Amino acid sequence: MTFCMAQRHFAYRNLARAVLAQGGAGLLSIFLIAGPALAQTDPAPNAPAPAVAVAAPASAAAPRAWITVPRLKGRLHAADIGLVINTADPYSVAVGEHYIAARRLTPAQVLRLALPVRGTLRHEEFEALRAAVAAHFGAATQALALAWTAPYAVECNSITGALALGFDAELCRQSCMASRPSSYFNSPSSRPLTEHGFRPSMLLAAPGIAEAKALIDRGVAADGSLVLRGGPPVSALLLGTDDAARSVRKALYPPPGLLRAVGVDVRIAPSSELAAARRVVLAITGSERVALDPAPDWVPGALADHLTSAGGDLSGQHAQSTVLAWIASGATASHGAVSEPCNHLQKFPHPQVLLLHYLQGSTAIEAYWKSVAWPQQSLFVGEPLAAPFARPSAVRP
């Protein structure tokens, strides 16, 4: 599939119009005001920071600098999660039961219903699901885990984007257009439903039941695993390729170096170095296909994604690697687009927002959702509650 290039500055101009039309300026400032650089030994998880965070892409000649992200109010816990199981899908039933046991979910936290077992739902089928979710889960349920691999889309919308922001039929007429901005982007909130009016969701998707159970177990094993110091640092890899259209996030990469306060070695490297890297907690790249054989040395809770047209189309019919490749190789969460997004930066995870929220103890679902400004086409996949940088006192069932 040919990757569609975004018109230069199109995304930023349309984001500005969307925010101003809603009577707000907070999200607009994110793309127009660069935050101060952070000290290389401390990326600010332990220091107050203003909400304005993300600068517009720098020119090739501009020096790399850390952005500023808000100090988080807390994080999601298992009691905040609702689980949806598709009773028509044996995969969903088996994986859902495993998740209930692994995260000790109560019966009230689980919704069982029958859905079509295919990649894409029609709008009316999706609305039945959305109504069932709204009727079953109360105000305590702040986020959702969806125990299936399919369905992953609602026409051209991702199922995770549509559940949160509502179905956008207009986007299906031109999927490269600017989509609805998310108020949750780069937010300090730990209560997305209460404070933003929607529940972020994540698919417990994997190539098979055994791989999905292993994914869940990695998420549980991740909790608090990288807080105590003394061991070798973990690697956050910001990878480069020769694919110019898919490498636009290079402009958002931070300066490389060891962040001693959190034990993370940030490296900007060619994609060929991924296989040899040790103790990888983050891998960000842009490419049509990803080379994951041999599998990287992932730590539990690792996040990984590649910017391309159809990384979230789990059918794999476009001959591009999907997020399932990352999960199968041992990553714990990933992101991909379900329909042609063009390479608007706002439709993909911002590398620094993703990393800096995760380093503060955010869960995988929070870090990924907060890193995407326009998530309507974004499919979020993985174990939602994985939180390797959460302090042990904050890790609870």
Protein backbone atom coordinates (compact mmCIF):
# COMPACT_ATOMS: atom_id res chain seq x y z
CA MET A 1 0.00 0.00 0.00
CA THR A 2 1.29 3.45 -0.88
CA PHE A 3 1.49 5.59 2.21
CA CYS A 4 -0.36 8.86 1.81
CA MET A 5 1.68 11.93 2.71
CA ALA A 6 -0.03 14.60 4.74
CA GLN A 7 -0.02 18.06 3.19
CA ARG A 8 2.63 20.10 4.90
CA HIS A 9 1.21 21.92 7.97
CA PHE A 10 -2.27 20.58 7.15
CA ALA A 11 -2.55 18.72 10.43
CA TYR A 12 -1.51 21.65 12.58
CA ARG A 13 -3.73 24.13 10.79
CA ASN A 14 -6.81 21.94 11.06
CA LEU A 15 -6.14 21.07 14.68
CA ALA A 16 -6.06 24.78 15.47
CA ARG A 17 -9.42 25.29 13.74
CA ALA A 18 -10.98 22.34 15.56
CA VAL A 19 -9.85 23.54 18.98
CA LEU A 20 -10.91 27.13 18.40
CA ALA A 21 -14.30 25.95 17.12
CA GLN A 22 -14.79 24.21 20.46
CA GLY A 23 -13.97 27.39 22.33
CA GLY A 24 -10.68 26.12 23.78
CA ALA A 25 -7.06 27.06 23.36
CA GLY A 26 -5.32 24.51 25.59
CA LEU A 27 -4.78 21.84 22.96
CA LEU A 28 -3.83 24.41 20.36
CA SER A 29 -0.99 25.65 22.56
CA ILE A 30 0.43 22.16 22.67
CA PHE A 31 1.45 22.37 19.02
CA LEU A 32 2.60 25.95 19.01
CA ILE A 33 4.59 26.34 22.20
CA ALA A 34 7.72 24.35 22.94
CA GLY A 35 8.25 23.37 26.55
CA PRO A 36 11.61 23.98 28.25
CA ALA A 37 14.26 21.33 27.89
CA LEU A 38 14.47 18.81 30.70
CA ALA A 39 17.66 17.86 32.46
CA GLN A 40 19.11 14.74 30.92
CA THR A 41 19.40 13.03 34.28
CA ASP A 42 15.72 13.59 35.17
CA PRO A 43 12.92 13.75 32.57
CA ALA A 44 10.63 15.43 35.12
CA PRO A 45 8.50 12.61 36.58
CA ASN A 46 9.39 13.95 40.04
CA ALA A 47 9.09 17.64 39.33
CA PRO A 48 6.02 19.79 38.69
CA ALA A 49 5.47 20.69 35.06
CA PRO A 50 2.99 22.85 33.20
CA ALA A 51 0.33 21.27 31.01
CA VAL A 52 1.68 22.74 27.78
CA ALA A 53 3.85 20.05 26.35
CA VAL A 54 4.37 19.30 22.71
CA ALA A 55 6.19 21.47 20.24
CA ALA A 56 5.55 21.51 16.52
CA PRO A 57 8.09 19.43 14.57
CA ALA A 58 11.51 20.93 14.65
CA SER A 59 13.55 21.57 11.55
CA ALA A 60 16.37 19.21 10.75
CA ALA A 61 18.88 21.79 11.96
CA ALA A 62 17.17 22.49 15.29
CA PRO A 63 18.70 20.84 18.38
CA ARG A 64 16.68 18.08 20.00
CA ALA A 65 15.14 18.97 23.35
CA TRP A 66 12.96 17.30 25.95
CA ILE A 67 9.41 18.56 26.10
CA THR A 68 7.53 19.19 29.32
CA VAL A 69 4.58 17.05 30.36
CA PRO A 70 2.15 17.54 33.25
CA ARG A 71 2.73 15.89 36.58
CA LEU A 72 0.19 13.06 36.77
CA LYS A 73 -2.60 12.90 39.33
CA GLY A 74 -2.43 9.13 39.65
CA ARG A 75 -3.08 6.06 37.53
CA LEU A 76 -5.73 3.52 36.67
CA HIS A 77 -6.07 0.33 38.73
CA ALA A 78 -7.83 -2.96 38.20
CA ALA A 79 -10.93 -1.69 40.03
CA ASP A 80 -11.27 0.99 37.32
CA ILE A 81 -11.38 -1.48 34.42
CA GLY A 82 -14.41 -2.99 32.72
CA LEU A 83 -13.93 -6.14 30.65
CA VAL A 84 -16.06 -6.96 27.58
CA ILE A 85 -16.22 -10.61 26.40
CA ASN A 86 -17.73 -11.76 23.11
CA THR A 87 -19.59 -15.00 23.91
CA ALA A 88 -19.72 -15.89 20.20
CA ASP A 89 -15.91 -16.07 20.04
CA PRO A 90 -14.03 -18.94 21.80
CA TYR A 91 -10.87 -16.82 21.79
CA SER A 92 -12.67 -14.02 23.61
CA VAL A 93 -14.17 -16.33 26.21
CA ALA A 94 -10.84 -18.02 27.01
CA VAL A 95 -8.81 -14.82 27.05
CA GLY A 96 -11.46 -12.97 29.05
CA GLU A 97 -11.53 -15.64 31.74
CA HIS A 98 -7.76 -15.52 31.99
CA TYR A 99 -7.88 -11.75 32.38
CA ILE A 100 -10.52 -11.97 35.09
CA ALA A 101 -8.26 -14.27 37.10
CA ALA A 102 -5.05 -12.35 36.40
CA ARG A 103 -6.44 -8.95 37.41
CA ARG A 104 -8.97 -10.28 39.98
CA LEU A 105 -11.94 -8.61 38.39
CA THR A 106 -15.34 -8.80 40.08
CA PRO A 107 -18.46 -10.08 38.25
CA ALA A 108 -19.79 -6.51 38.06
CA GLN A 109 -16.70 -5.53 36.06
CA VAL A 110 -17.47 -7.98 33.25
CA LEU A 111 -19.93 -7.59 30.38
CA ARG A 112 -20.68 -10.69 28.28
CA LEU A 113 -22.50 -10.29 24.99
CA ALA A 114 -22.53 -11.73 21.47
CA LEU A 115 -20.85 -9.83 18.61
CA PRO A 116 -20.06 -10.69 14.99
CA VAL A 117 -16.63 -12.32 14.83
CA ARG A 118 -15.16 -10.39 11.93
CA GLY A 119 -12.74 -7.53 11.50
CA THR A 120 -15.13 -4.67 10.79
CA LEU A 121 -18.52 -3.87 12.33
CA ARG A 122 -21.24 -1.95 10.58
CA HIS A 123 -22.34 1.25 12.27
CA GLU A 124 -25.62 -0.20 13.56
CA GLU A 125 -23.83 -3.25 14.99
CA PHE A 126 -21.40 -0.98 16.78
CA GLU A 127 -24.15 1.16 18.26
CA ALA A 128 -25.67 -1.96 19.86
CA LEU A 129 -22.30 -2.66 21.49
CA ARG A 130 -21.92 0.93 22.63
CA ALA A 131 -25.40 0.93 24.16
CA ALA A 132 -24.70 -2.33 26.01
CA VAL A 133 -21.46 -0.91 27.42
CA ALA A 134 -23.22 2.25 28.58
CA ALA A 135 -26.03 0.27 30.21
CA HIS A 136 -23.77 -2.19 32.04
CA PHE A 137 -20.89 -0.11 33.36
CA GLY A 138 -21.34 2.66 35.87
CA ALA A 139 -19.35 5.69 36.87
CA ALA A 140 -16.65 3.62 38.58
CA THR A 141 -15.54 2.05 35.29
CA GLN A 142 -13.03 4.45 33.81
CA ALA A 143 -11.56 2.32 31.00
CA LEU A 144 -12.24 -0.89 29.08
CA ALA A 145 -10.41 -4.05 28.10
CA LEU A 146 -11.90 -5.76 25.03
CA ALA A 147 -11.16 -9.49 25.05
CA TRP A 148 -10.88 -10.19 21.33
CA THR A 149 -8.85 -9.67 18.19
CA ALA A 150 -11.86 -9.06 15.93
CA PRO A 151 -13.76 -6.82 15.54
CA TYR A 152 -11.09 -4.15 15.50
CA ALA A 153 -12.82 -1.51 13.35
CA VAL A 154 -16.18 0.19 12.84
CA GLU A 155 -16.15 0.94 9.13
CA CYS A 156 -13.12 3.29 8.86
CA ASN A 157 -12.98 4.07 12.61
CA SER A 158 -11.05 1.94 15.06
CA ILE A 159 -13.27 0.21 17.58
CA THR A 160 -11.27 1.77 20.42
CA GLY A 161 -11.57 5.25 18.90
CA ALA A 162 -15.29 4.91 18.19
CA LEU A 163 -16.10 3.59 21.68
CA ALA A 164 -14.44 6.65 23.19
CA LEU A 165 -15.30 9.48 20.81
CA GLY A 166 -18.33 8.11 18.98
CA PHE A 167 -18.51 6.91 15.38
CA ASP A 168 -17.42 9.49 12.79
CA ALA A 169 -19.05 8.76 9.42
CA GLU A 170 -17.57 11.88 7.83
CA LEU A 171 -14.06 10.51 8.35
CA CYS A 172 -14.94 7.54 6.13
CA ARG A 173 -15.50 9.88 3.18
CA GLN A 174 -11.91 11.10 3.47
CA SER A 175 -9.82 9.20 5.99
CA CYS A 176 -6.85 11.53 5.56
CA MET A 177 -8.77 14.48 6.94
CA ALA A 178 -8.18 15.88 10.42
CA SER A 179 -10.22 13.89 12.93
CA ARG A 180 -11.74 14.69 16.29
CA PRO A 181 -9.19 15.91 18.85
CA SER A 182 -8.98 14.13 22.18
CA SER A 183 -9.10 16.21 25.38
CA TYR A 184 -7.28 13.29 27.06
CA PHE A 185 -4.13 13.95 24.99
CA ASN A 186 -1.19 14.74 27.31
CA SER A 187 -3.60 15.06 30.23
CA PRO A 188 -2.61 14.61 33.89
CA SER A 189 -5.94 12.88 34.55
CA SER A 190 -6.28 9.43 36.10
CA ARG A 191 -10.10 9.50 35.73
CA PRO A 192 -10.82 9.67 32.00
CA LEU A 193 -14.56 9.04 32.22
CA THR A 194 -15.06 11.41 35.13
CA GLU A 195 -12.91 14.23 33.77
CA HIS A 196 -13.09 13.73 29.98
CA GLY A 197 -16.42 12.01 29.46
CA PHE A 198 -15.21 8.83 27.78
CA ARG A 199 -13.61 5.49 28.53
CA PRO A 200 -10.37 4.68 26.68
CA SER A 201 -10.21 1.04 25.63
CA MET A 202 -7.60 -1.50 24.56
CA LEU A 203 -7.86 -4.85 22.79
CA LEU A 204 -6.43 -7.97 24.42
CA ALA A 205 -5.44 -9.04 20.92
CA ALA A 206 -2.83 -11.58 19.90
CA PRO A 207 -2.33 -14.14 17.13
CA GLY A 208 -3.84 -16.89 19.30
CA ILE A 209 -5.14 -17.77 22.76
CA ALA A 210 -1.77 -18.91 24.11
CA GLU A 211 -0.11 -15.68 22.93
CA ALA A 212 -2.91 -13.61 24.47
CA LYS A 213 -2.53 -15.32 27.84
CA ALA A 214 1.22 -14.70 27.68
CA LEU A 215 0.50 -11.04 26.88
CA ILE A 216 -1.71 -10.74 29.97
CA ASP A 217 0.90 -12.43 32.13
CA ARG A 218 3.57 -10.01 30.88
CA GLY A 219 1.35 -7.11 31.83
CA VAL A 220 0.87 -8.40 35.36
CA ALA A 221 4.60 -9.16 35.70
CA ALA A 222 5.43 -5.62 34.58
CA ASP A 223 3.76 -3.87 37.52
CA GLY A 224 6.39 -1.96 39.51
CA SER A 225 9.19 -4.02 37.97
CA LEU A 226 11.34 -1.07 36.87
CA VAL A 227 11.01 1.19 39.89
CA LEU A 228 13.81 -0.23 42.04
CA ARG A 229 17.27 0.77 40.86
CA GLY A 230 20.47 -1.24 40.90
CA GLY A 231 20.16 -3.30 37.77
CA PRO A 232 21.26 -2.37 34.27
CA PRO A 233 19.20 0.36 32.58
CA VAL A 234 16.43 -0.47 30.16
CA SER A 235 16.55 0.78 26.58
CA ALA A 236 14.13 3.19 24.92
CA LEU A 237 14.88 2.88 21.20
CA LEU A 238 13.89 5.62 18.77
CA LEU A 239 14.61 3.95 15.47
CA GLY A 240 15.33 5.33 12.03
CA THR A 241 14.70 3.92 8.56
CA ASP A 242 15.11 5.12 4.99
CA ASP A 243 11.33 5.40 4.63
CA ALA A 244 10.86 9.18 4.62
CA ALA A 245 7.05 9.17 4.58
CA ARG A 246 6.85 6.92 7.64
CA SER A 247 9.72 8.55 9.53
CA VAL A 248 8.08 11.91 10.26
CA ARG A 249 8.19 11.24 14.01
CA LYS A 250 11.97 11.68 13.96
CA ALA A 251 11.31 15.40 14.40
CA LEU A 252 9.75 14.59 17.79
CA TYR A 253 12.57 12.40 19.09
CA PRO A 254 14.27 13.70 22.25
CA PRO A 255 18.04 13.97 22.71
CA PRO A 256 19.63 10.60 23.37
CA GLY A 257 21.30 9.76 26.66
CA LEU A 258 20.96 7.99 29.98
CA LEU A 259 18.12 9.17 32.22
CA ARG A 260 19.74 8.10 35.48
CA ALA A 261 16.81 9.02 37.70
CA VAL A 262 14.61 6.41 36.04
CA GLY A 263 17.21 3.97 34.71
CA VAL A 264 16.35 4.42 31.04
CA ASP A 265 18.90 4.71 28.25
CA VAL A 266 17.32 6.69 25.39
CA ARG A 267 18.92 5.78 22.08
CA ILE A 268 18.40 7.03 18.53
CA ALA A 269 19.55 4.23 16.27
CA PRO A 270 18.97 2.48 12.93
CA SER A 271 16.16 -0.05 13.00
CA SER A 272 18.69 -2.81 12.44
CA GLU A 273 19.89 -2.38 16.04
CA LEU A 274 16.58 -3.49 17.56
CA ALA A 275 17.39 -7.20 17.43
CA ALA A 276 20.67 -6.78 19.33
CA ALA A 277 19.38 -4.32 21.94
CA ARG A 278 19.09 -5.52 25.53
CA ARG A 279 16.26 -4.94 28.01
CA VAL A 280 14.01 -2.95 25.66
CA VAL A 281 11.09 -1.05 27.21
CA LEU A 282 10.20 1.11 24.19
CA ALA A 283 10.68 0.83 20.43
CA ILE A 284 9.34 3.49 18.06
CA THR A 285 9.88 3.38 14.31
CA GLY A 286 8.31 4.12 10.95
CA SER A 287 8.23 1.41 8.31
CA GLU A 288 5.93 -0.72 6.20
CA ARG A 289 7.22 -3.92 7.77
CA VAL A 290 9.13 -4.62 10.97
CA ALA A 291 11.88 -7.23 11.38
CA LEU A 292 11.22 -9.10 14.63
CA ASP A 293 12.98 -12.40 14.03
CA PRO A 294 14.87 -12.89 16.23
CA ALA A 295 12.61 -11.25 18.77
CA PRO A 296 13.99 -8.28 20.70
CA ASP A 297 14.93 -8.63 24.37
CA TRP A 298 11.70 -7.08 25.68
CA VAL A 299 11.16 -6.41 29.37
CA PRO A 300 7.62 -7.01 30.69
CA GLY A 301 5.53 -3.94 29.94
CA ALA A 302 7.42 -2.98 26.76
CA LEU A 303 5.67 -0.61 24.33
CA ALA A 304 6.35 -0.75 20.59
CA ASP A 305 4.79 0.56 17.39
CA HIS A 306 5.54 1.53 13.80
CA LEU A 307 4.01 4.38 11.83
CA THR A 308 2.39 3.06 8.66
CA SER A 309 -0.98 3.06 6.90
CA ALA A 310 -2.54 -0.18 8.16
CA GLY A 311 -0.76 -1.28 11.31
CA GLY A 312 -4.12 -1.58 13.04
CA ASP A 313 -5.81 -3.57 10.27
CA LEU A 314 -5.38 -6.91 12.02
CA SER A 315 -6.48 -8.88 8.96
CA GLY A 316 -3.01 -8.27 7.52
CA GLN A 317 -4.45 -8.00 4.00
CA HIS A 318 -2.30 -4.98 3.11
CA ALA A 319 1.03 -6.84 3.31
CA GLN A 320 2.14 -4.48 6.09
CA SER A 321 3.18 -5.57 9.55
CA THR A 322 0.41 -5.08 12.09
CA VAL A 323 0.49 -4.51 15.83
CA LEU A 324 0.09 -8.28 16.25
CA ALA A 325 3.69 -8.70 15.10
CA TRP A 326 4.88 -6.64 18.05
CA ILE A 327 2.66 -8.57 20.48
CA ALA A 328 3.76 -11.94 19.10
CA SER A 329 7.41 -10.94 19.55
CA GLY A 330 6.88 -10.15 23.26
CA ALA A 331 5.84 -6.50 23.47
CA THR A 332 3.05 -5.72 25.95
CA ALA A 333 1.21 -2.92 24.11
CA SER A 334 1.14 -1.34 20.66
CA HIS A 335 -0.73 1.04 18.36
CA GLY A 336 -1.78 1.07 14.71
CA ALA A 337 -4.18 2.79 12.31
CA VAL A 338 -7.16 0.83 10.93
CA SER A 339 -7.65 3.00 7.82
CA GLU A 340 -5.43 5.27 5.72
CA PRO A 341 -4.50 8.10 8.11
CA CYS A 342 -1.89 9.91 6.02
CA ASN A 343 1.17 10.65 8.08
CA HIS A 344 -0.32 13.30 10.34
CA LEU A 345 1.72 13.31 13.52
CA GLN A 346 -1.44 13.76 15.59
CA LYS A 347 -2.76 10.35 14.46
CA PHE A 348 0.19 8.45 15.91
CA PRO A 349 1.81 8.23 19.36
CA HIS A 350 4.05 11.17 20.18
CA PRO A 351 7.29 9.45 21.30
CA GLN A 352 8.10 11.81 24.14
CA VAL A 353 4.55 12.04 25.52
CA LEU A 354 4.31 8.26 25.45
CA LEU A 355 7.62 7.72 27.23
CA LEU A 356 7.35 10.52 29.79
CA HIS A 357 3.85 9.52 30.90
CA TYR A 358 4.94 5.89 31.20
CA LEU A 359 7.98 6.86 33.27
CA GLN A 360 5.70 8.60 35.77
CA GLY A 361 3.93 5.33 36.49
CA SER A 362 1.07 5.48 33.99
CA THR A 363 -0.45 2.26 32.77
CA ALA A 364 0.02 1.18 29.17
CA ILE A 365 -3.52 2.22 28.22
CA GLU A 366 -3.04 5.69 29.72
CA ALA A 367 0.40 6.31 28.21
CA TYR A 368 -0.69 5.23 24.75
CA TRP A 369 -4.04 7.03 24.75
CA LYS A 370 -2.52 10.24 26.11
CA SER A 371 0.13 10.23 23.37
CA VAL A 372 -2.33 10.43 20.42
CA ALA A 373 -4.06 13.75 19.74
CA TRP A 374 -6.45 12.42 17.08
CA PRO A 375 -7.26 8.79 18.06
CA GLN A 376 -10.34 8.15 15.90
CA GLN A 377 -8.46 5.71 13.64
CA SER A 378 -6.12 4.49 16.38
CA LEU A 379 -6.30 0.88 17.49
CA PHE A 380 -4.76 0.37 20.91
CA VAL A 381 -3.72 -3.21 21.64
CA GLY A 382 -2.15 -4.79 24.72
CA GLU A 383 -2.55 -5.39 28.43
CA PRO A 384 -4.10 -2.14 29.66
CA LEU A 385 -2.86 -2.10 33.25
CA ALA A 386 0.83 -2.87 32.70
CA ALA A 387 2.75 -0.26 34.71
CA PRO A 388 6.45 -1.08 35.12
CA PHE A 389 7.33 2.36 36.50
CA ALA A 390 4.51 2.48 39.09
CA ARG A 391 5.78 2.52 42.64
CA PRO A 392 5.01 -0.67 44.60
CA SER A 393 2.79 1.22 47.04
CA ALA A 394 0.68 2.35 44.07
CA VAL A 395 0.36 -1.12 42.53
CA ARG A 396 -2.76 -2.81 43.79
CA PRO A 397 -5.27 -5.30 42.40
